[in-house]
Amino acid sequence: GQTPFSRMGDGRAALGPVLREYIVSEAMAALGVPTTRALAAVTTGEPVMRERALPGAVLTRVAASHIRVGTFQHFAARRDMEAVRLLADYAIRRHYPEAAAAAHPYRALLDAVVAGQAGLVARWLLIGFIHGVMNTDNTSIAGETIDYGPCAFMDAYDPATVFSSIDYFGRYAYVNQPRIAQWNLARLAECLLPILGDNEESALEAAKESLASFGPSFQDAYVSGLRRKIGLSAEREGDVGLIEDLLERMAQNGADFTLTFRRLCDAAACAEGDAGVGALFSEPLSYEEWAGRWRQRLSDEPGPPETRRAAMQAVNPAVIPRNHRVEAALQAAVEREDFGPFEEMLAVLSRPYEDRPGFERYAAPPRPEERVTQTFCGT
């Protein structure tokens, strides 16, 4: 119900959004992405009024903590620096105890949060995840993905992809997520300024230095992840160009993000043929032109092809929470009280890096009429 934090709303949630967070947060955990978890989803037996009456529900969300950048902003906006200091001390004790031993513990705290967010957002991009509402209240100090309102996963690769119905200008588009994360971290740095240094000048310098580390940290995690996704274990000159060229060709040809990388696992182990990768491109020749250079680069890699395929399969999921499948599962639960599709989807997504005979439909991209182009917060 209503609380001081329900922002003029009724403070209630409908069953659909509750089940969406349950599915996606558990899938993210199985994918190896730091995330809050869903402990339980319970129907309330009471209707929730939205565009129509919907069944109400409550989600029990568990996390390393629920401290967000917005938590610091709450106290900083009131100029309650003692509360900011106490909150920072608590965050250090709970999440980053090594910072307590640093010469400047609050700088070490900021550095740790910056590094955590850089790694987290890189993980999002590597699986095609779009959060949808990356405000400071949804930026966890613990470096976990939190709040799954209008989140979604890309089907065809397009860096400008947006799903959230309220993201009119693409602020939180797939490609913008690193920039927004850094903006949110700058807001945290502002809150901590009075305790970052002995004077304003030293505090500003410390904040700038910490924030400047985001770009290199993100880029290193992202490029390293992409290198592993295409089967490269060692860094070579030209790798970044090879990766960027693949992504550009995927975007130009409407290639499915998840399937392209998953099929590359088999292509890397095949002496001949493309394991169906080319069929994902509107112009298969575009893939073939890239694949020749890729295979040449793979010839420099150590180890047998089967070992390489196994390593690639460990970072390229076979299944993700496809938006159209999520919507179908939610509709069955909300409209027909049929939780079978929801439970089956949870089971499939619990082992996302395995090929599951009989469940190939969960790996398939949507048909044109099945595409989900917009998602809603719903809470």
Protein backbone atom coordinates (compact mmCIF):
# COMPACT_ATOMS: atom_id res chain seq x y z
CA GLY A 1 0.00 0.00 0.00
CA GLN A 2 0.90 3.66 0.18
CA THR A 3 4.09 4.66 1.97
CA PRO A 4 6.27 7.80 1.90
CA PHE A 5 8.10 6.12 -0.99
CA SER A 6 5.16 5.22 -3.26
CA ARG A 7 5.40 8.57 -5.06
CA MET A 8 1.69 9.39 -5.15
CA GLY A 9 0.91 5.89 -6.45
CA ASP A 10 -1.11 3.19 -4.73
CA GLY A 11 2.01 1.29 -3.67
CA ARG A 12 0.74 -1.96 -5.15
CA ALA A 13 1.93 -4.33 -7.85
CA ALA A 14 0.04 -6.42 -10.34
CA LEU A 15 0.83 -10.09 -10.88
CA GLY A 16 2.33 -9.59 -14.36
CA PRO A 17 5.19 -7.26 -13.33
CA VAL A 18 5.90 -9.41 -10.27
CA LEU A 19 6.28 -12.54 -12.40
CA ARG A 20 8.37 -10.63 -14.96
CA GLU A 21 10.93 -9.71 -12.31
CA TYR A 22 10.86 -13.28 -10.98
CA ILE A 23 11.62 -14.74 -14.42
CA VAL A 24 14.23 -12.22 -15.51
CA SER A 25 16.12 -11.86 -12.23
CA GLU A 26 16.41 -15.63 -11.86
CA ALA A 27 17.52 -15.91 -15.49
CA MET A 28 20.16 -13.24 -14.91
CA ALA A 29 21.47 -15.16 -11.90
CA ALA A 30 21.72 -18.32 -14.01
CA LEU A 31 23.51 -16.33 -16.72
CA GLY A 32 26.11 -15.32 -14.14
CA VAL A 33 25.17 -11.64 -13.96
CA PRO A 34 25.19 -10.00 -10.49
CA THR A 35 21.55 -9.45 -9.59
CA THR A 36 18.95 -9.26 -6.89
CA ARG A 37 16.98 -12.47 -6.53
CA ALA A 38 13.31 -13.36 -6.28
CA LEU A 39 12.63 -15.25 -3.08
CA ALA A 40 8.88 -15.54 -3.51
CA ALA A 41 5.91 -14.22 -5.47
CA VAL A 42 2.56 -14.27 -3.67
CA THR A 43 -0.86 -13.29 -4.95
CA THR A 44 -2.79 -10.99 -2.62
CA GLY A 45 -6.31 -11.92 -3.69
CA GLU A 46 -7.06 -8.23 -4.19
CA PRO A 47 -7.48 -6.42 -7.51
CA VAL A 48 -5.06 -3.68 -8.54
CA MET A 49 -6.50 -0.91 -10.68
CA ARG A 50 -4.44 -0.01 -13.72
CA GLU A 51 -5.91 0.40 -17.21
CA ARG A 52 -8.23 -2.31 -15.90
CA ALA A 53 -8.50 -4.44 -12.77
CA LEU A 54 -5.58 -6.86 -12.50
CA PRO A 55 -4.73 -9.51 -9.90
CA GLY A 56 -2.47 -8.11 -7.20
CA ALA A 57 0.76 -9.70 -6.03
CA VAL A 58 3.81 -9.13 -3.84
CA LEU A 59 7.40 -9.98 -4.77
CA THR A 60 9.95 -10.68 -2.06
CA ARG A 61 13.20 -9.36 -3.51
CA VAL A 62 16.48 -10.28 -1.82
CA ALA A 63 19.79 -8.53 -2.38
CA ALA A 64 23.25 -8.08 -0.94
CA SER A 65 21.70 -4.81 0.21
CA HIS A 66 19.11 -2.37 -1.06
CA ILE A 67 21.40 0.67 -0.87
CA ARG A 68 21.31 2.65 -4.08
CA VAL A 69 22.89 5.88 -5.32
CA GLY A 70 19.50 7.40 -4.61
CA THR A 71 19.85 6.45 -0.95
CA PHE A 72 22.90 8.71 -0.68
CA GLN A 73 21.10 11.43 -2.63
CA HIS A 74 18.23 11.34 -0.14
CA PHE A 75 20.49 12.46 2.70
CA ALA A 76 22.79 14.69 0.64
CA ALA A 77 19.79 16.68 -0.63
CA ARG A 78 18.93 17.42 2.99
CA ARG A 79 22.55 18.41 3.71
CA ASP A 80 22.67 15.68 6.34
CA MET A 81 26.34 14.85 5.91
CA GLU A 82 26.49 12.89 9.14
CA ALA A 83 23.91 10.51 7.67
CA VAL A 84 25.90 10.33 4.40
CA ARG A 85 29.01 9.45 6.39
CA LEU A 86 27.18 6.82 8.43
CA LEU A 87 25.70 5.32 5.26
CA ALA A 88 29.13 5.24 3.60
CA ASP A 89 30.61 3.55 6.67
CA TYR A 90 27.84 0.95 6.58
CA ALA A 91 28.34 0.34 2.83
CA ILE A 92 32.06 -0.20 3.45
CA ARG A 93 31.44 -2.65 6.28
CA ARG A 94 28.80 -4.56 4.36
CA HIS A 95 30.18 -4.61 0.82
CA TYR A 96 33.77 -3.38 0.62
CA PRO A 97 35.54 -4.08 3.94
CA GLU A 98 38.92 -3.80 2.22
CA ALA A 99 38.19 -0.08 1.74
CA ALA A 100 38.31 0.43 5.50
CA ALA A 101 42.04 -0.27 5.47
CA ALA A 102 42.74 2.15 2.60
CA ALA A 103 44.45 5.49 3.16
CA HIS A 104 41.23 7.18 2.05
CA PRO A 105 38.32 4.79 2.78
CA TYR A 106 35.61 6.89 1.11
CA ARG A 107 37.65 7.24 -2.06
CA ALA A 108 38.19 3.48 -1.99
CA LEU A 109 34.43 3.03 -1.61
CA LEU A 110 33.75 5.21 -4.65
CA ASP A 111 36.44 3.37 -6.65
CA ALA A 112 34.86 0.02 -5.76
CA VAL A 113 31.36 1.11 -6.73
CA VAL A 114 32.65 2.55 -10.03
CA ALA A 115 34.47 -0.70 -10.84
CA GLY A 116 31.43 -2.77 -9.91
CA GLN A 117 29.11 -0.78 -12.15
CA ALA A 118 31.58 -0.87 -15.04
CA GLY A 119 31.77 -4.65 -14.87
CA LEU A 120 28.02 -5.03 -14.41
CA VAL A 121 27.03 -2.93 -17.42
CA ALA A 122 29.60 -4.74 -19.55
CA ARG A 123 27.91 -8.02 -18.58
CA TRP A 124 24.54 -6.55 -19.63
CA LEU A 125 25.81 -5.62 -23.07
CA LEU A 126 27.43 -9.02 -23.58
CA ILE A 127 24.04 -10.76 -23.29
CA GLY A 128 21.94 -8.10 -25.03
CA PHE A 129 20.17 -6.91 -21.88
CA ILE A 130 18.46 -3.52 -21.73
CA HIS A 131 17.50 -2.38 -18.23
CA GLY A 132 15.08 0.30 -19.37
CA VAL A 133 15.01 2.61 -16.35
CA MET A 134 18.57 3.32 -15.19
CA ASN A 135 17.87 6.11 -12.74
CA THR A 136 19.95 6.59 -9.61
CA ASP A 137 17.37 4.75 -7.49
CA ASN A 138 18.05 1.70 -9.66
CA THR A 139 21.84 1.85 -9.31
CA SER A 140 22.90 -0.56 -6.58
CA ILE A 141 25.94 0.25 -4.45
CA ALA A 142 26.56 -3.52 -4.31
CA GLY A 143 26.95 -3.73 -8.09
CA GLU A 144 23.85 -5.86 -8.63
CA THR A 145 21.16 -5.49 -11.28
CA ILE A 146 18.11 -4.16 -9.47
CA ASP A 147 14.52 -3.36 -10.51
CA TYR A 148 13.32 -5.20 -13.58
CA GLY A 149 10.32 -3.03 -14.52
CA PRO A 150 10.50 -2.47 -18.31
CA CYS A 151 13.62 -4.55 -18.93
CA ALA A 152 14.03 -6.64 -22.08
CA PHE A 153 16.54 -8.55 -24.19
CA MET A 154 17.50 -7.71 -27.76
CA ASP A 155 16.49 -10.05 -30.52
CA ALA A 156 18.03 -8.62 -33.72
CA TYR A 157 21.18 -6.68 -32.91
CA ASP A 158 20.63 -2.92 -33.01
CA PRO A 159 22.66 -0.69 -30.67
CA ALA A 160 19.83 1.87 -30.56
CA THR A 161 17.28 -0.63 -29.25
CA VAL A 162 14.80 0.77 -26.71
CA PHE A 163 11.86 -1.10 -25.17
CA SER A 164 10.59 0.99 -22.26
CA SER A 165 7.34 2.78 -23.06
CA ILE A 166 8.44 5.86 -21.14
CA ASP A 167 11.92 6.14 -22.68
CA TYR A 168 10.74 8.50 -25.41
CA PHE A 169 14.17 9.77 -26.43
CA GLY A 170 16.26 6.61 -26.04
CA ARG A 171 18.12 7.79 -22.95
CA TYR A 172 18.42 4.20 -21.72
CA ALA A 173 18.98 2.56 -25.12
CA TYR A 174 21.27 -0.48 -25.25
CA VAL A 175 24.27 1.52 -26.46
CA ASN A 176 23.74 4.34 -23.96
CA GLN A 177 23.83 2.19 -20.83
CA PRO A 178 27.55 2.69 -20.07
CA ARG A 179 27.21 6.47 -20.38
CA ILE A 180 24.15 6.53 -18.11
CA ALA A 181 25.89 4.36 -15.53
CA GLN A 182 28.79 6.81 -15.44
CA TRP A 183 26.34 9.73 -15.07
CA ASN A 184 24.72 7.97 -12.10
CA LEU A 185 28.12 7.41 -10.53
CA ALA A 186 28.86 11.12 -10.88
CA ARG A 187 25.77 11.75 -8.76
CA LEU A 188 27.18 9.42 -6.10
CA ALA A 189 30.50 11.26 -6.22
CA GLU A 190 28.65 14.55 -5.66
CA CYS A 191 27.05 13.12 -2.53
CA LEU A 192 30.42 11.97 -1.19
CA LEU A 193 32.39 15.15 -2.02
CA PRO A 194 32.36 16.56 1.53
CA ILE A 195 34.06 13.40 2.84
CA LEU A 196 36.33 12.57 -0.13
CA GLY A 197 39.14 14.95 0.78
CA ASP A 198 40.56 17.39 3.29
CA ASN A 199 39.39 20.30 1.15
CA GLU A 200 37.18 20.96 -1.86
CA GLU A 201 40.04 20.86 -4.34
CA SER A 202 41.38 17.48 -3.20
CA ALA A 203 37.84 16.06 -3.02
CA LEU A 204 37.06 17.16 -6.58
CA GLU A 205 40.33 15.71 -7.83
CA ALA A 206 39.60 12.38 -6.13
CA ALA A 207 36.08 12.27 -7.58
CA LYS A 208 37.29 13.05 -11.11
CA GLU A 209 40.02 10.44 -10.89
CA SER A 210 37.59 7.77 -9.72
CA LEU A 211 34.97 8.60 -12.36
CA ALA A 212 37.62 8.64 -15.08
CA SER A 213 38.41 5.01 -14.27
CA PHE A 214 34.93 3.92 -15.39
CA GLY A 215 35.64 4.11 -19.13
CA PRO A 216 38.79 1.96 -19.16
CA SER A 217 37.26 -0.52 -16.68
CA PHE A 218 34.11 -0.90 -18.76
CA GLN A 219 36.00 -1.13 -22.05
CA ASP A 220 38.37 -3.77 -20.71
CA ALA A 221 35.51 -5.93 -19.38
CA TYR A 222 33.41 -5.47 -22.51
CA VAL A 223 36.14 -6.13 -25.08
CA SER A 224 37.52 -9.07 -23.09
CA GLY A 225 34.02 -10.52 -22.96
CA LEU A 226 33.47 -10.07 -26.69
CA ARG A 227 36.84 -11.65 -27.40
CA ARG A 228 35.78 -14.74 -25.43
CA LYS A 229 32.43 -14.80 -27.23
CA ILE A 230 34.16 -15.27 -30.58
CA GLY A 231 36.67 -17.81 -29.28
CA LEU A 232 39.76 -15.69 -28.73
CA SER A 233 41.71 -16.41 -25.57
CA ALA A 234 44.66 -14.11 -26.10
CA GLU A 235 44.82 -10.45 -27.09
CA ARG A 236 46.13 -9.69 -30.58
CA GLU A 237 46.41 -6.53 -32.60
CA GLY A 238 43.36 -6.21 -34.80
CA ASP A 239 40.96 -8.06 -32.47
CA VAL A 240 38.92 -4.96 -31.67
CA GLY A 241 38.52 -4.16 -35.35
CA LEU A 242 37.44 -7.75 -36.05
CA ILE A 243 34.83 -7.59 -33.28
CA GLU A 244 33.53 -4.17 -34.32
CA ASP A 245 33.20 -5.34 -37.91
CA LEU A 246 31.11 -8.34 -36.83
CA LEU A 247 28.77 -6.15 -34.77
CA GLU A 248 28.40 -3.67 -37.61
CA ARG A 249 27.52 -6.44 -40.05
CA MET A 250 25.05 -7.93 -37.56
CA ALA A 251 23.33 -4.56 -37.24
CA GLN A 252 23.22 -4.03 -41.00
CA ASN A 253 21.78 -7.50 -41.60
CA GLY A 254 19.32 -7.78 -38.70
CA ALA A 255 21.15 -10.79 -37.26
CA ASP A 256 19.84 -12.17 -33.99
CA PHE A 257 22.27 -11.25 -31.21
CA THR A 258 22.04 -14.39 -29.07
CA LEU A 259 21.77 -16.93 -31.89
CA THR A 260 24.66 -15.44 -33.87
CA PHE A 261 27.10 -15.90 -31.02
CA ARG A 262 25.70 -19.31 -30.06
CA ARG A 263 26.05 -20.65 -33.60
CA LEU A 264 29.57 -19.26 -33.82
CA CYS A 265 30.44 -21.83 -31.15
CA ASP A 266 29.74 -24.65 -33.60
CA ALA A 267 31.23 -22.75 -36.53
CA ALA A 268 34.50 -22.43 -34.60
CA ALA A 269 34.71 -26.22 -34.37
CA CYS A 270 33.76 -26.92 -38.01
CA ALA A 271 36.39 -27.26 -40.69
CA GLU A 272 33.70 -26.57 -43.30
CA GLY A 273 30.29 -24.92 -43.28
CA ASP A 274 29.03 -22.06 -41.17
CA ALA A 275 26.79 -23.93 -38.66
CA GLY A 276 23.84 -21.84 -39.81
CA VAL A 277 25.33 -18.47 -38.88
CA GLY A 278 25.03 -17.05 -42.39
CA ALA A 279 21.30 -17.81 -42.47
CA LEU A 280 20.81 -15.26 -39.66
CA PHE A 281 22.08 -12.47 -41.92
CA SER A 282 19.87 -10.86 -44.56
CA GLU A 283 22.95 -10.96 -46.80
CA PRO A 284 24.82 -14.19 -45.92
CA LEU A 285 27.80 -13.04 -47.97
CA SER A 286 28.35 -10.29 -45.41
CA TYR A 287 28.96 -12.93 -42.75
CA GLU A 288 31.12 -15.06 -45.04
CA GLU A 289 33.41 -12.11 -45.76
CA TRP A 290 33.94 -11.60 -42.05
CA ALA A 291 34.20 -15.32 -41.25
CA GLY A 292 37.25 -15.77 -43.47
CA ARG A 293 39.23 -13.29 -41.38
CA TRP A 294 37.83 -14.76 -38.17
CA ARG A 295 38.94 -18.29 -39.09
CA GLN A 296 42.38 -16.98 -39.94
CA ARG A 297 42.56 -15.38 -36.50
CA LEU A 298 41.36 -18.61 -34.84
CA SER A 299 44.28 -20.45 -36.43
CA ASP A 300 46.56 -18.52 -34.06
CA GLU A 301 44.67 -19.82 -31.02
CA PRO A 302 46.04 -22.75 -28.98
CA GLY A 303 44.10 -25.92 -28.22
CA PRO A 304 41.77 -28.20 -30.20
CA PRO A 305 38.52 -26.92 -31.77
CA GLU A 306 36.33 -28.88 -29.35
CA THR A 307 37.94 -27.19 -26.37
CA ARG A 308 37.39 -23.82 -28.02
CA ARG A 309 33.73 -24.63 -28.69
CA ALA A 310 33.17 -25.62 -25.06
CA ALA A 311 34.76 -22.37 -23.86
CA MET A 312 32.57 -20.35 -26.22
CA GLN A 313 29.41 -22.20 -25.18
CA ALA A 314 30.18 -21.29 -21.57
CA VAL A 315 29.83 -17.57 -22.38
CA ASN A 316 27.26 -17.60 -25.19
CA PRO A 317 23.83 -18.63 -23.87
CA ALA A 318 21.58 -20.92 -25.85
CA VAL A 319 18.49 -19.37 -24.27
CA ILE A 320 17.61 -15.98 -22.81
CA PRO A 321 14.25 -14.67 -21.57
CA ARG A 322 12.95 -13.88 -25.05
CA ASN A 323 10.45 -11.06 -24.73
CA HIS A 324 7.67 -12.80 -26.61
CA ARG A 325 8.08 -15.93 -24.48
CA VAL A 326 8.01 -13.89 -21.27
CA GLU A 327 4.84 -12.11 -22.39
CA ALA A 328 3.17 -15.42 -23.29
CA ALA A 329 4.02 -16.90 -19.87
CA LEU A 330 2.72 -13.81 -18.07
CA GLN A 331 -0.47 -13.74 -20.10
CA ALA A 332 -1.21 -17.37 -19.31
CA ALA A 333 -0.71 -16.74 -15.58
CA VAL A 334 -2.65 -13.48 -15.41
CA GLU A 335 -5.48 -14.20 -17.83
CA ARG A 336 -6.01 -17.93 -17.28
CA GLU A 337 -4.33 -18.63 -13.93
CA ASP A 338 -2.18 -21.13 -15.83
CA PHE A 339 1.31 -21.09 -14.32
CA GLY A 340 2.55 -24.00 -16.43
CA PRO A 341 4.31 -21.83 -19.06
CA PHE A 342 5.86 -19.69 -16.31
CA GLU A 343 7.23 -22.73 -14.46
CA GLU A 344 8.50 -24.36 -17.65
CA MET A 345 10.25 -21.17 -18.68
CA LEU A 346 11.92 -20.88 -15.28
CA ALA A 347 13.19 -24.44 -15.59
CA VAL A 348 14.62 -23.86 -19.08
CA LEU A 349 16.26 -20.57 -18.10
CA SER A 350 17.89 -22.15 -15.04
CA ARG A 351 20.43 -23.80 -17.40
CA PRO A 352 20.90 -21.16 -20.10
CA TYR A 353 24.22 -22.40 -21.48
CA GLU A 354 22.92 -25.86 -22.32
CA ASP A 355 21.16 -27.00 -25.49
CA ARG A 356 17.91 -28.55 -24.31
CA PRO A 357 16.34 -31.06 -26.73
CA GLY A 358 12.60 -30.53 -26.89
CA PHE A 359 12.82 -26.88 -25.82
CA GLU A 360 14.27 -25.38 -29.00
CA ARG A 361 11.36 -22.93 -29.20
CA TYR A 362 12.81 -21.01 -26.26
CA ALA A 363 15.99 -20.37 -28.26
CA ALA A 364 14.17 -19.28 -31.41
CA PRO A 365 13.74 -15.58 -32.18
CA PRO A 366 10.19 -14.29 -32.55
CA ARG A 367 8.29 -14.38 -35.79
CA PRO A 368 7.39 -10.90 -37.08
CA GLU A 369 3.91 -11.07 -35.55
CA GLU A 370 5.38 -12.15 -32.17
CA ARG A 371 7.84 -9.31 -31.75
CA VAL A 372 7.58 -7.26 -28.58
CA THR A 373 8.53 -3.67 -29.31
CA GLN A 374 7.50 -2.01 -26.06
CA THR A 375 7.60 -2.93 -22.38
CA PHE A 376 5.98 -1.30 -19.36
CA CYS A 377 6.97 -0.81 -15.73
CA GLY A 378 3.59 -1.90 -14.41
CA THR A 379 4.26 -1.36 -10.69
